[in-house]
Amino acid sequence: MTLSRRSLLALGLAVPALSLPSAGRAQERLEAILDTAREHDQLRAIAIWRDGGEIAARGYGGFTPDRPTNIKSASKSVVSALAGIAIERGVLNGADQPVADVLRDDFPADPDPRLFRLTLGNLLSMQAGLERQSGRNYGAWVSSRNWVRAALAAPFVAEPGGRMLYSTASSHLVSAMLTRASGRSTLALAREWLDIPGFDIGGWERDPQGVYLGGNQMAMSTRSLLAFGTAYAQGGAGVIPPPWIAESWRPRTQSMFTGSGYGYGWFLARMAGRPVNYGWGYGGQMIYVAPGVRGRPPVAIAMTSDPDQPSGRTGYRDELHMLAARLLTALG
């Protein structure tokens, strides 16, 4: 019997580990899977953390887990973490805070009344209702003189809090709110607030006004991306507020492209019979976090790939999901 890609994906993401393998057997299975992962031509590196420490890291095609790459939209999960810390520290008031409280000066001269109902949470969950500035609109948006004002001047195509409209402009507005409310750059906040061993942001693009691009063009190594994921896997690691993690992983909408749920900067799914939350960047930049559940320890898996090749429409993202499910099954 020949199975379609969709059937294979469904099986790969649904098969639970029937029993917990011994440590030696699990490591053998893990190494075998990592060996075969080189068949994915776009893949650059994988790093895996399980219940307290890194247990494996591999580079492919001349790359290493320590070499920075553009993590693309996986950086939206980083921006979400900064928003949660900002709320805890009183820099922002909460997910229900109106965007107008912070960015009113950047509203159009005759603003659509719905702009005053737009909240921080709407931006983080991709439910702003504003026309998407990703995909075909991305180039024109980043060519504008003022990215924040251009994002806020986009027409509404849905109500705030309505259907999911995945847009890097929404994440950029979060970065602008963080910058305006704190009086500091988003990069400076990340370097101070995300005090996670092994975590480091390299280059990061800014808009013409100096606001760091919330949700794209961030350089980071695979191990750094893993370090970020392990903080979530450890319940915040004393850095990210645990209540914010719970709020970020609560389903608020659903992607029309993948069918996955979406919270605050995280896609929500199930793989290998357990909940898995993931950040996804163009080309196949992935951070998977599987919380500990029913005796199974927490796991984080980071994968980086060629950022100049597509991953969604080609099926490569689905192949990475299947790879992550195989790794989780092998780890028990």
C-alpha atoms as a PDB file:
ATOM      1  CA  MET A   1       0.000   0.000   0.000  1.00  0.00           C
ATOM      2  CA  THR A   2       1.343   3.457  -0.902  1.00  0.00           C
ATOM      3  CA  LEU A   3       0.729   6.209   1.629  1.00  0.00           C
ATOM      4  CA  SER A   4       0.376   9.854   0.683  1.00  0.00           C
ATOM      5  CA  ARG A   5       2.611  12.507   2.249  1.00  0.00           C
ATOM      6  CA  ARG A   6      -0.355  13.620   4.345  1.00  0.00           C
ATOM      7  CA  SER A   7      -0.933  10.087   5.610  1.00  0.00           C
ATOM      8  CA  LEU A   8       2.739   9.658   6.445  1.00  0.00           C
ATOM      9  CA  LEU A   9       2.713  12.961   8.288  1.00  0.00           C
ATOM     10  CA  ALA A  10      -0.363  12.008  10.270  1.00  0.00           C
ATOM     11  CA  LEU A  11       1.224   8.713  11.255  1.00  0.00           C
ATOM     12  CA  GLY A  12       4.552  10.311  12.099  1.00  0.00           C
ATOM     13  CA  LEU A  13       2.988  12.863  14.390  1.00  0.00           C
ATOM     14  CA  ALA A  14       0.536  10.520  16.055  1.00  0.00           C
ATOM     15  CA  VAL A  15       2.604   7.461  16.959  1.00  0.00           C
ATOM     16  CA  PRO A  16       3.280   7.440  20.731  1.00  0.00           C
ATOM     17  CA  ALA A  17       6.256   5.822  22.384  1.00  0.00           C
ATOM     18  CA  LEU A  18       4.920   2.476  23.590  1.00  0.00           C
ATOM     19  CA  SER A  19       7.526   2.152  26.302  1.00  0.00           C
ATOM     20  CA  LEU A  20      10.434   4.124  27.642  1.00  0.00           C
ATOM     21  CA  PRO A  21      13.624   2.788  26.034  1.00  0.00           C
ATOM     22  CA  SER A  22      16.771   2.221  28.036  1.00  0.00           C
ATOM     23  CA  ALA A  23      19.282   5.070  27.974  1.00  0.00           C
ATOM     24  CA  GLY A  24      21.676   3.125  25.772  1.00  0.00           C
ATOM     25  CA  ARG A  25      19.023   1.987  23.322  1.00  0.00           C
ATOM     26  CA  ALA A  26      17.532   5.484  23.171  1.00  0.00           C
ATOM     27  CA  GLN A  27      20.936   6.972  22.351  1.00  0.00           C
ATOM     28  CA  GLU A  28      21.464   4.414  19.592  1.00  0.00           C
ATOM     29  CA  ARG A  29      18.109   5.235  18.061  1.00  0.00           C
ATOM     30  CA  LEU A  30      18.839   8.938  18.376  1.00  0.00           C
ATOM     31  CA  GLU A  31      22.204   8.644  16.637  1.00  0.00           C
ATOM     32  CA  ALA A  32      20.675   6.569  13.835  1.00  0.00           C
ATOM     33  CA  ILE A  33      17.994   9.191  13.214  1.00  0.00           C
ATOM     34  CA  LEU A  34      20.582  11.982  13.223  1.00  0.00           C
ATOM     35  CA  ASP A  35      22.657  10.000  10.716  1.00  0.00           C
ATOM     36  CA  THR A  36      19.748   9.745   8.284  1.00  0.00           C
ATOM     37  CA  ALA A  37      18.817  13.418   8.775  1.00  0.00           C
ATOM     38  CA  ARG A  38      21.628  14.371   6.391  1.00  0.00           C
ATOM     39  CA  GLU A  39      19.327  13.243   3.579  1.00  0.00           C
ATOM     40  CA  HIS A  40      17.542  16.592   3.972  1.00  0.00           C
ATOM     41  CA  ASP A  41      19.615  18.855   1.719  1.00  0.00           C
ATOM     42  CA  GLN A  42      18.364  22.092   3.293  1.00  0.00           C
ATOM     43  CA  LEU A  43      19.196  21.034   6.858  1.00  0.00           C
ATOM     44  CA  ARG A  44      22.140  22.783   8.519  1.00  0.00           C
ATOM     45  CA  ALA A  45      22.143  21.680  12.147  1.00  0.00           C
ATOM     46  CA  ILE A  46      20.185  19.982  14.933  1.00  0.00           C
ATOM     47  CA  ALA A  47      20.625  20.327  18.693  1.00  0.00           C
ATOM     48  CA  ILE A  48      18.615  18.430  21.324  1.00  0.00           C
ATOM     49  CA  TRP A  49      18.054  19.023  25.043  1.00  0.00           C
ATOM     50  CA  ARG A  50      16.370  16.521  27.332  1.00  0.00           C
ATOM     51  CA  ASP A  51      15.528  16.944  31.006  1.00  0.00           C
ATOM     52  CA  GLY A  52      18.562  18.941  32.134  1.00  0.00           C
ATOM     53  CA  GLY A  53      21.177  19.006  29.403  1.00  0.00           C
ATOM     54  CA  GLU A  54      22.113  18.860  25.747  1.00  0.00           C
ATOM     55  CA  ILE A  55      22.214  15.242  24.618  1.00  0.00           C
ATOM     56  CA  ALA A  56      23.081  15.625  20.937  1.00  0.00           C
ATOM     57  CA  ALA A  57      24.127  18.202  18.348  1.00  0.00           C
ATOM     58  CA  ARG A  58      24.979  17.694  14.686  1.00  0.00           C
ATOM     59  CA  GLY A  59      25.932  19.886  11.767  1.00  0.00           C
ATOM     60  CA  TYR A  60      25.312  19.025   8.113  1.00  0.00           C
ATOM     61  CA  GLY A  61      26.747  20.159   4.802  1.00  0.00           C
ATOM     62  CA  GLY A  62      29.705  21.926   6.350  1.00  0.00           C
ATOM     63  CA  PHE A  63      27.669  23.778   8.985  1.00  0.00           C
ATOM     64  CA  THR A  64      27.945  23.393  12.757  1.00  0.00           C
ATOM     65  CA  PRO A  65      25.454  23.914  15.612  1.00  0.00           C
ATOM     66  CA  ASP A  66      27.492  26.955  16.681  1.00  0.00           C
ATOM     67  CA  ARG A  67      27.389  28.776  13.362  1.00  0.00           C
ATOM     68  CA  PRO A  68      24.848  31.650  13.294  1.00  0.00           C
ATOM     69  CA  THR A  69      22.097  31.622  10.722  1.00  0.00           C
ATOM     70  CA  ASN A  70      19.008  33.725  10.062  1.00  0.00           C
ATOM     71  CA  ILE A  71      16.253  32.153  12.149  1.00  0.00           C
ATOM     72  CA  LYS A  72      13.613  34.156  10.280  1.00  0.00           C
ATOM     73  CA  SER A  73      10.142  33.963  11.877  1.00  0.00           C
ATOM     74  CA  ALA A  74      11.277  31.673  14.692  1.00  0.00           C
ATOM     75  CA  SER A  75      12.297  35.021  16.203  1.00  0.00           C
ATOM     76  CA  LYS A  76       8.579  35.772  16.726  1.00  0.00           C
ATOM     77  CA  SER A  77       8.723  33.393  19.703  1.00  0.00           C
ATOM     78  CA  VAL A  78      11.618  35.450  21.103  1.00  0.00           C
ATOM     79  CA  VAL A  79       9.632  38.679  20.734  1.00  0.00           C
ATOM     80  CA  SER A  80       6.699  37.014  22.514  1.00  0.00           C
ATOM     81  CA  ALA A  81       8.973  36.119  25.443  1.00  0.00           C
ATOM     82  CA  LEU A  82      10.117  39.741  25.689  1.00  0.00           C
ATOM     83  CA  ALA A  83       6.497  40.916  25.761  1.00  0.00           C
ATOM     84  CA  GLY A  84       5.738  38.568  28.655  1.00  0.00           C
ATOM     85  CA  ILE A  85       8.768  39.758  30.626  1.00  0.00           C
ATOM     86  CA  ALA A  86       7.831  43.378  29.909  1.00  0.00           C
ATOM     87  CA  ILE A  87       4.372  42.766  31.379  1.00  0.00           C
ATOM     88  CA  GLU A  88       5.845  41.149  34.488  1.00  0.00           C
ATOM     89  CA  ARG A  89       8.207  44.114  34.941  1.00  0.00           C
ATOM     90  CA  GLY A  90       5.461  46.684  34.465  1.00  0.00           C
ATOM     91  CA  VAL A  91       6.856  48.062  31.214  1.00  0.00           C
ATOM     92  CA  LEU A  92       3.651  46.995  29.471  1.00  0.00           C
ATOM     93  CA  ASN A  93       0.276  46.662  31.178  1.00  0.00           C
ATOM     94  CA  GLY A  94      -0.837  43.286  29.845  1.00  0.00           C
ATOM     95  CA  ALA A  95      -1.972  41.459  26.751  1.00  0.00           C
ATOM     96  CA  ASP A  96      -5.197  43.493  26.761  1.00  0.00           C
ATOM     97  CA  GLN A  97      -3.325  46.793  26.604  1.00  0.00           C
ATOM     98  CA  PRO A  98      -4.461  48.863  23.598  1.00  0.00           C
ATOM     99  CA  VAL A  99      -1.782  49.516  21.016  1.00  0.00           C
ATOM    100  CA  ALA A 100      -2.979  53.124  21.020  1.00  0.00           C
ATOM    101  CA  ASP A 101      -1.616  53.571  24.557  1.00  0.00           C
ATOM    102  CA  VAL A 102       1.909  53.302  23.187  1.00  0.00           C
ATOM    103  CA  LEU A 103       1.838  53.933  19.442  1.00  0.00           C
ATOM    104  CA  ARG A 104      -0.914  56.558  19.052  1.00  0.00           C
ATOM    105  CA  ASP A 105       1.551  59.052  17.539  1.00  0.00           C
ATOM    106  CA  ASP A 106       2.106  56.650  14.648  1.00  0.00           C
ATOM    107  CA  PHE A 107      -1.576  56.239  13.785  1.00  0.00           C
ATOM    108  CA  PRO A 108      -2.792  57.660  10.454  1.00  0.00           C
ATOM    109  CA  ALA A 109      -4.248  61.169  10.505  1.00  0.00           C
ATOM    110  CA  ASP A 110      -7.777  59.791  10.167  1.00  0.00           C
ATOM    111  CA  PRO A 111      -7.485  56.372  11.828  1.00  0.00           C
ATOM    112  CA  ASP A 112      -9.937  53.553  11.409  1.00  0.00           C
ATOM    113  CA  PRO A 113     -11.816  53.335  14.752  1.00  0.00           C
ATOM    114  CA  ARG A 114     -10.813  49.670  14.994  1.00  0.00           C
ATOM    115  CA  LEU A 115      -7.211  50.727  15.608  1.00  0.00           C
ATOM    116  CA  PHE A 116      -8.295  51.851  19.071  1.00  0.00           C
ATOM    117  CA  ARG A 117      -9.569  48.326  19.807  1.00  0.00           C
ATOM    118  CA  LEU A 118      -6.340  46.681  18.673  1.00  0.00           C
ATOM    119  CA  THR A 119      -4.420  45.119  21.589  1.00  0.00           C
ATOM    120  CA  LEU A 120      -0.959  43.746  22.274  1.00  0.00           C
ATOM    121  CA  GLY A 121      -2.484  40.266  22.497  1.00  0.00           C
ATOM    122  CA  ASN A 122      -4.100  40.672  19.059  1.00  0.00           C
ATOM    123  CA  LEU A 123      -0.649  41.387  17.615  1.00  0.00           C
ATOM    124  CA  LEU A 124       0.979  38.413  19.340  1.00  0.00           C
ATOM    125  CA  SER A 125      -1.724  35.972  18.239  1.00  0.00           C
ATOM    126  CA  MET A 126      -1.778  37.286  14.656  1.00  0.00           C
ATOM    127  CA  GLN A 127      -5.367  38.454  15.062  1.00  0.00           C
ATOM    128  CA  ALA A 128      -4.820  42.160  14.406  1.00  0.00           C
ATOM    129  CA  GLY A 129      -7.278  42.196  11.502  1.00  0.00           C
ATOM    130  CA  LEU A 130      -4.924  44.413   9.477  1.00  0.00           C
ATOM    131  CA  GLU A 131      -3.961  43.379   5.967  1.00  0.00           C
ATOM    132  CA  ARG A 132      -0.962  41.029   6.067  1.00  0.00           C
ATOM    133  CA  GLN A 133       2.470  42.513   5.419  1.00  0.00           C
ATOM    134  CA  SER A 134       4.026  39.098   4.866  1.00  0.00           C
ATOM    135  CA  GLY A 135       4.118  37.131   1.639  1.00  0.00           C
ATOM    136  CA  ARG A 136       3.512  39.259  -1.426  1.00  0.00           C
ATOM    137  CA  ASN A 137       3.210  42.486   0.598  1.00  0.00           C
ATOM    138  CA  TYR A 138       6.452  42.059   2.549  1.00  0.00           C
ATOM    139  CA  GLY A 139       8.796  43.709   0.040  1.00  0.00           C
ATOM    140  CA  ALA A 140       6.725  46.878  -0.286  1.00  0.00           C
ATOM    141  CA  TRP A 141       6.306  47.113   3.472  1.00  0.00           C
ATOM    142  CA  VAL A 142      10.046  46.921   4.271  1.00  0.00           C
ATOM    143  CA  SER A 143      10.709  49.399   1.444  1.00  0.00           C
ATOM    144  CA  SER A 144       8.524  52.012   3.126  1.00  0.00           C
ATOM    145  CA  ARG A 145      10.032  54.962   4.982  1.00  0.00           C
ATOM    146  CA  ASN A 146       8.398  54.080   8.295  1.00  0.00           C
ATOM    147  CA  TRP A 147       7.511  50.434   8.883  1.00  0.00           C
ATOM    148  CA  VAL A 148       5.468  51.100  12.017  1.00  0.00           C
ATOM    149  CA  ARG A 149       3.295  53.737  10.396  1.00  0.00           C
ATOM    150  CA  ALA A 150       2.910  51.694   7.237  1.00  0.00           C
ATOM    151  CA  ALA A 151       1.743  48.689   9.290  1.00  0.00           C
ATOM    152  CA  LEU A 152      -0.787  50.795  11.187  1.00  0.00           C
ATOM    153  CA  ALA A 153      -2.038  52.406   7.964  1.00  0.00           C
ATOM    154  CA  ALA A 154      -2.839  49.045   6.361  1.00  0.00           C
ATOM    155  CA  PRO A 155      -6.557  48.470   5.801  1.00  0.00           C
ATOM    156  CA  PHE A 156      -8.550  46.183   8.059  1.00  0.00           C
ATOM    157  CA  VAL A 157      -9.621  42.969   6.348  1.00  0.00           C
ATOM    158  CA  ALA A 158     -10.990  41.372   9.540  1.00  0.00           C
ATOM    159  CA  GLU A 159     -11.979  42.470  13.030  1.00  0.00           C
ATOM    160  CA  PRO A 160      -9.333  42.692  15.788  1.00  0.00           C
ATOM    161  CA  GLY A 161      -9.420  39.373  17.622  1.00  0.00           C
ATOM    162  CA  GLY A 162     -10.910  37.596  14.605  1.00  0.00           C
ATOM    163  CA  ARG A 163      -9.315  35.186  12.159  1.00  0.00           C
ATOM    164  CA  MET A 164      -5.582  34.589  12.018  1.00  0.00           C
ATOM    165  CA  LEU A 165      -3.671  36.803   9.579  1.00  0.00           C
ATOM    166  CA  TYR A 166      -0.017  35.845   9.860  1.00  0.00           C
ATOM    167  CA  SER A 167       1.993  39.036   9.431  1.00  0.00           C
ATOM    168  CA  THR A 168       5.522  40.030  10.395  1.00  0.00           C
ATOM    169  CA  ALA A 169       4.218  43.597  10.670  1.00  0.00           C
ATOM    170  CA  SER A 170       2.192  42.543  13.723  1.00  0.00           C
ATOM    171  CA  SER A 171       5.322  41.264  15.464  1.00  0.00           C
ATOM    172  CA  HIS A 172       7.169  44.420  14.439  1.00  0.00           C
ATOM    173  CA  LEU A 173       4.500  46.506  16.152  1.00  0.00           C
ATOM    174  CA  VAL A 174       5.194  44.498  19.329  1.00  0.00           C
ATOM    175  CA  SER A 175       8.885  45.362  18.984  1.00  0.00           C
ATOM    176  CA  ALA A 176       7.935  49.012  18.533  1.00  0.00           C
ATOM    177  CA  MET A 177       5.745  48.909  21.653  1.00  0.00           C
ATOM    178  CA  LEU A 178       8.598  47.393  23.659  1.00  0.00           C
ATOM    179  CA  THR A 179      11.007  50.053  22.384  1.00  0.00           C
ATOM    180  CA  ARG A 180       8.659  52.975  22.971  1.00  0.00           C
ATOM    181  CA  ALA A 181       7.455  51.844  26.405  1.00  0.00           C
ATOM    182  CA  SER A 182      10.911  51.003  27.758  1.00  0.00           C
ATOM    183  CA  GLY A 183      12.960  53.694  26.055  1.00  0.00           C
ATOM    184  CA  ARG A 184      15.456  51.002  25.042  1.00  0.00           C
ATOM    185  CA  SER A 185      16.047  48.914  21.935  1.00  0.00           C
ATOM    186  CA  THR A 186      14.520  45.465  21.678  1.00  0.00           C
ATOM    187  CA  LEU A 187      18.018  44.010  21.243  1.00  0.00           C
ATOM    188  CA  ALA A 188      19.180  45.639  24.490  1.00  0.00           C
ATOM    189  CA  LEU A 189      16.130  44.253  26.284  1.00  0.00           C
ATOM    190  CA  ALA A 190      16.757  40.772  24.882  1.00  0.00           C
ATOM    191  CA  ARG A 191      20.385  40.785  25.963  1.00  0.00           C
ATOM    192  CA  GLU A 192      19.465  41.851  29.493  1.00  0.00           C
ATOM    193  CA  TRP A 193      16.176  40.058  30.082  1.00  0.00           C
ATOM    194  CA  LEU A 194      16.852  36.743  28.324  1.00  0.00           C
ATOM    195  CA  ASP A 195      19.730  35.843  30.609  1.00  0.00           C
ATOM    196  CA  ILE A 196      19.818  32.209  29.506  1.00  0.00           C
ATOM    197  CA  PRO A 197      23.117  30.274  29.391  1.00  0.00           C
ATOM    198  CA  GLY A 198      24.111  29.759  25.773  1.00  0.00           C
ATOM    199  CA  PHE A 199      21.583  32.224  24.365  1.00  0.00           C
ATOM    200  CA  ASP A 200      22.971  34.944  22.125  1.00  0.00           C
ATOM    201  CA  ILE A 201      21.550  37.116  19.362  1.00  0.00           C
ATOM    202  CA  GLY A 202      24.022  38.161  16.688  1.00  0.00           C
ATOM    203  CA  GLY A 203      22.961  40.506  13.912  1.00  0.00           C
ATOM    204  CA  TRP A 204      19.406  41.790  13.768  1.00  0.00           C
ATOM    205  CA  GLU A 205      17.915  44.094  11.142  1.00  0.00           C
ATOM    206  CA  ARG A 206      16.379  47.449  12.117  1.00  0.00           C
ATOM    207  CA  ASP A 207      13.812  49.647  10.433  1.00  0.00           C
ATOM    208  CA  PRO A 208      14.613  53.214   9.260  1.00  0.00           C
ATOM    209  CA  GLN A 209      13.676  54.559  12.715  1.00  0.00           C
ATOM    210  CA  GLY A 210      15.996  52.097  14.468  1.00  0.00           C
ATOM    211  CA  VAL A 211      13.360  49.664  15.751  1.00  0.00           C
ATOM    212  CA  TYR A 212      14.582  46.074  15.542  1.00  0.00           C
ATOM    213  CA  LEU A 213      12.470  43.987  13.199  1.00  0.00           C
ATOM    214  CA  GLY A 214      10.078  42.053  15.379  1.00  0.00           C
ATOM    215  CA  GLY A 215       9.846  38.627  13.843  1.00  0.00           C
ATOM    216  CA  ASN A 216      12.482  38.298  11.124  1.00  0.00           C
ATOM    217  CA  GLN A 217      16.116  38.796  10.139  1.00  0.00           C
ATOM    218  CA  MET A 218      17.659  37.686  13.440  1.00  0.00           C
ATOM    219  CA  ALA A 219      20.990  35.822  13.448  1.00  0.00           C
ATOM    220  CA  MET A 220      21.409  33.013  15.953  1.00  0.00           C
ATOM    221  CA  SER A 221      23.162  29.663  16.185  1.00  0.00           C
ATOM    222  CA  THR A 222      21.276  26.408  16.495  1.00  0.00           C
ATOM    223  CA  ARG A 223      22.586  25.981  20.035  1.00  0.00           C
ATOM    224  CA  SER A 224      21.407  29.484  20.942  1.00  0.00           C
ATOM    225  CA  LEU A 225      17.945  28.696  19.587  1.00  0.00           C
ATOM    226  CA  LEU A 226      18.006  25.497  21.631  1.00  0.00           C
ATOM    227  CA  ALA A 227      18.979  27.446  24.764  1.00  0.00           C
ATOM    228  CA  PHE A 228      15.923  29.658  24.239  1.00  0.00           C
ATOM    229  CA  GLY A 229      13.682  26.607  23.874  1.00  0.00           C
ATOM    230  CA  THR A 230      15.093  24.950  26.984  1.00  0.00           C
ATOM    231  CA  ALA A 231      14.040  27.938  29.072  1.00  0.00           C
ATOM    232  CA  TYR A 232      10.439  27.217  28.044  1.00  0.00           C
ATOM    233  CA  ALA A 233      10.935  23.480  28.552  1.00  0.00           C
ATOM    234  CA  GLN A 234      12.081  24.204  32.117  1.00  0.00           C
ATOM    235  CA  GLY A 235       9.038  26.293  32.931  1.00  0.00           C
ATOM    236  CA  GLY A 236      10.753  29.608  32.327  1.00  0.00           C
ATOM    237  CA  ALA A 237      14.106  28.866  34.019  1.00  0.00           C
ATOM    238  CA  GLY A 238      13.611  31.888  36.264  1.00  0.00           C
ATOM    239  CA  VAL A 239      13.645  34.148  33.203  1.00  0.00           C
ATOM    240  CA  ILE A 240      10.314  33.821  31.401  1.00  0.00           C
ATOM    241  CA  PRO A 241       7.262  34.106  33.690  1.00  0.00           C
ATOM    242  CA  PRO A 242       5.523  30.703  33.930  1.00  0.00           C
ATOM    243  CA  PRO A 243       2.046  32.296  33.651  1.00  0.00           C
ATOM    244  CA  TRP A 244       3.151  33.880  30.388  1.00  0.00           C
ATOM    245  CA  ILE A 245       4.278  30.516  29.046  1.00  0.00           C
ATOM    246  CA  ALA A 246       0.834  29.117  29.845  1.00  0.00           C
ATOM    247  CA  GLU A 247      -0.833  32.080  28.124  1.00  0.00           C
ATOM    248  CA  SER A 248       1.472  31.780  25.111  1.00  0.00           C
ATOM    249  CA  TRP A 249       0.606  28.104  24.692  1.00  0.00           C
ATOM    250  CA  ARG A 250      -3.142  28.565  25.015  1.00  0.00           C
ATOM    251  CA  PRO A 251      -4.796  28.141  21.594  1.00  0.00           C
ATOM    252  CA  ARG A 252      -6.310  31.396  20.402  1.00  0.00           C
ATOM    253  CA  THR A 253      -6.647  30.873  16.678  1.00  0.00           C
ATOM    254  CA  GLN A 254      -5.708  28.417  13.923  1.00  0.00           C
ATOM    255  CA  SER A 255      -3.388  28.724  10.955  1.00  0.00           C
ATOM    256  CA  MET A 256      -5.118  28.502   7.589  1.00  0.00           C
ATOM    257  CA  PHE A 257      -1.820  27.281   6.142  1.00  0.00           C
ATOM    258  CA  THR A 258      -0.910  24.456   8.550  1.00  0.00           C
ATOM    259  CA  GLY A 259      -4.043  23.721  10.571  1.00  0.00           C
ATOM    260  CA  SER A 260      -1.979  24.098  13.745  1.00  0.00           C
ATOM    261  CA  GLY A 261      -3.287  26.128  16.640  1.00  0.00           C
ATOM    262  CA  TYR A 262      -1.536  29.376  17.491  1.00  0.00           C
ATOM    263  CA  GLY A 263      -0.997  31.160  20.787  1.00  0.00           C
ATOM    264  CA  TYR A 264       1.284  34.121  21.441  1.00  0.00           C
ATOM    265  CA  GLY A 265       4.145  33.637  18.987  1.00  0.00           C
ATOM    266  CA  TRP A 266       3.973  29.822  19.111  1.00  0.00           C
ATOM    267  CA  PHE A 267       2.316  27.191  16.933  1.00  0.00           C
ATOM    268  CA  LEU A 268       0.595  24.429  18.921  1.00  0.00           C
ATOM    269  CA  ALA A 269       0.460  20.793  17.855  1.00  0.00           C
ATOM    270  CA  ARG A 270       0.811  17.166  18.945  1.00  0.00           C
ATOM    271  CA  MET A 271       3.708  14.951  17.924  1.00  0.00           C
ATOM    272  CA  ALA A 272       4.634  11.440  19.029  1.00  0.00           C
ATOM    273  CA  GLY A 273       1.565  11.332  21.247  1.00  0.00           C
ATOM    274  CA  ARG A 274       2.364  14.452  23.274  1.00  0.00           C
ATOM    275  CA  PRO A 275       1.780  18.221  23.105  1.00  0.00           C
ATOM    276  CA  VAL A 276       4.504  20.073  21.242  1.00  0.00           C
ATOM    277  CA  ASN A 277       4.751  23.824  20.794  1.00  0.00           C
ATOM    278  CA  TYR A 278       6.971  25.203  18.075  1.00  0.00           C
ATOM    279  CA  GLY A 279       8.381  28.313  16.492  1.00  0.00           C
ATOM    280  CA  TRP A 280       8.816  28.205  12.727  1.00  0.00           C
ATOM    281  CA  GLY A 281      10.888  30.387  10.449  1.00  0.00           C
ATOM    282  CA  TYR A 282      11.047  30.496   6.662  1.00  0.00           C
ATOM    283  CA  GLY A 283      13.308  27.857   5.189  1.00  0.00           C
ATOM    284  CA  GLY A 284      12.918  25.487   8.139  1.00  0.00           C
ATOM    285  CA  GLN A 285      14.177  27.286  11.243  1.00  0.00           C
ATOM    286  CA  MET A 286      12.475  25.323  14.029  1.00  0.00           C
ATOM    287  CA  ILE A 287      12.364  25.288  17.809  1.00  0.00           C
ATOM    288  CA  TYR A 288      10.219  22.492  19.246  1.00  0.00           C
ATOM    289  CA  VAL A 289       9.342  22.337  22.942  1.00  0.00           C
ATOM    290  CA  ALA A 290       7.656  19.245  24.350  1.00  0.00           C
ATOM    291  CA  PRO A 291       6.704  19.848  28.001  1.00  0.00           C
ATOM    292  CA  GLY A 292       7.104  16.994  30.455  1.00  0.00           C
ATOM    293  CA  VAL A 293       3.938  14.916  30.564  1.00  0.00           C
ATOM    294  CA  ARG A 294       2.865  11.588  32.116  1.00  0.00           C
ATOM    295  CA  GLY A 295       6.344  10.577  33.171  1.00  0.00           C
ATOM    296  CA  ARG A 296       7.953  11.685  29.925  1.00  0.00           C
ATOM    297  CA  PRO A 297      10.640  14.331  30.538  1.00  0.00           C
ATOM    298  CA  PRO A 298      10.644  17.726  28.805  1.00  0.00           C
ATOM    299  CA  VAL A 299      12.471  17.937  25.489  1.00  0.00           C
ATOM    300  CA  ALA A 300      13.597  20.816  23.273  1.00  0.00           C
ATOM    301  CA  ILE A 301      14.791  20.368  19.694  1.00  0.00           C
ATOM    302  CA  ALA A 302      16.310  23.126  17.549  1.00  0.00           C
ATOM    303  CA  MET A 303      16.780  22.784  13.787  1.00  0.00           C
ATOM    304  CA  THR A 304      18.210  25.318  11.368  1.00  0.00           C
ATOM    305  CA  SER A 305      18.135  25.143   7.591  1.00  0.00           C
ATOM    306  CA  ASP A 306      18.988  27.137   4.486  1.00  0.00           C
ATOM    307  CA  PRO A 307      17.068  30.401   5.059  1.00  0.00           C
ATOM    308  CA  ASP A 308      16.883  31.147   1.345  1.00  0.00           C
ATOM    309  CA  GLN A 309      14.835  28.067   0.411  1.00  0.00           C
ATOM    310  CA  PRO A 310      11.080  27.700   1.040  1.00  0.00           C
ATOM    311  CA  SER A 311       9.816  25.092   3.483  1.00  0.00           C
ATOM    312  CA  GLY A 312       6.046  25.364   3.629  1.00  0.00           C
ATOM    313  CA  ARG A 313       4.787  24.833   0.099  1.00  0.00           C
ATOM    314  CA  THR A 314       7.552  22.338  -0.721  1.00  0.00           C
ATOM    315  CA  GLY A 315       6.690  19.955   2.107  1.00  0.00           C
ATOM    316  CA  TYR A 316      10.081  20.392   3.788  1.00  0.00           C
ATOM    317  CA  ARG A 317       8.510  21.797   6.953  1.00  0.00           C
ATOM    318  CA  ASP A 318       6.367  18.677   7.188  1.00  0.00           C
ATOM    319  CA  GLU A 319       9.481  16.539   6.789  1.00  0.00           C
ATOM    320  CA  LEU A 320      11.041  18.392   9.740  1.00  0.00           C
ATOM    321  CA  HIS A 321       7.901  17.748  11.772  1.00  0.00           C
ATOM    322  CA  MET A 322       8.222  14.044  11.021  1.00  0.00           C
ATOM    323  CA  LEU A 323      11.892  14.170  11.959  1.00  0.00           C
ATOM    324  CA  ALA A 324      11.033  15.851  15.260  1.00  0.00           C
ATOM    325  CA  ALA A 325       8.353  13.216  15.935  1.00  0.00           C
ATOM    326  CA  ARG A 326      10.866  10.420  15.301  1.00  0.00           C
ATOM    327  CA  LEU A 327      13.349  12.021  17.685  1.00  0.00           C
ATOM    328  CA  LEU A 328      10.696  12.428  20.380  1.00  0.00           C
ATOM    329  CA  THR A 329       9.619   8.800  19.984  1.00  0.00           C
ATOM    330  CA  ALA A 330      13.214   7.613  20.270  1.00  0.00           C
ATOM    331  CA  LEU A 331      13.713   9.684  23.424  1.00  0.00           C
ATOM    332  CA  GLY A 332      10.606   8.317  25.095  1.00  0.00           C
END
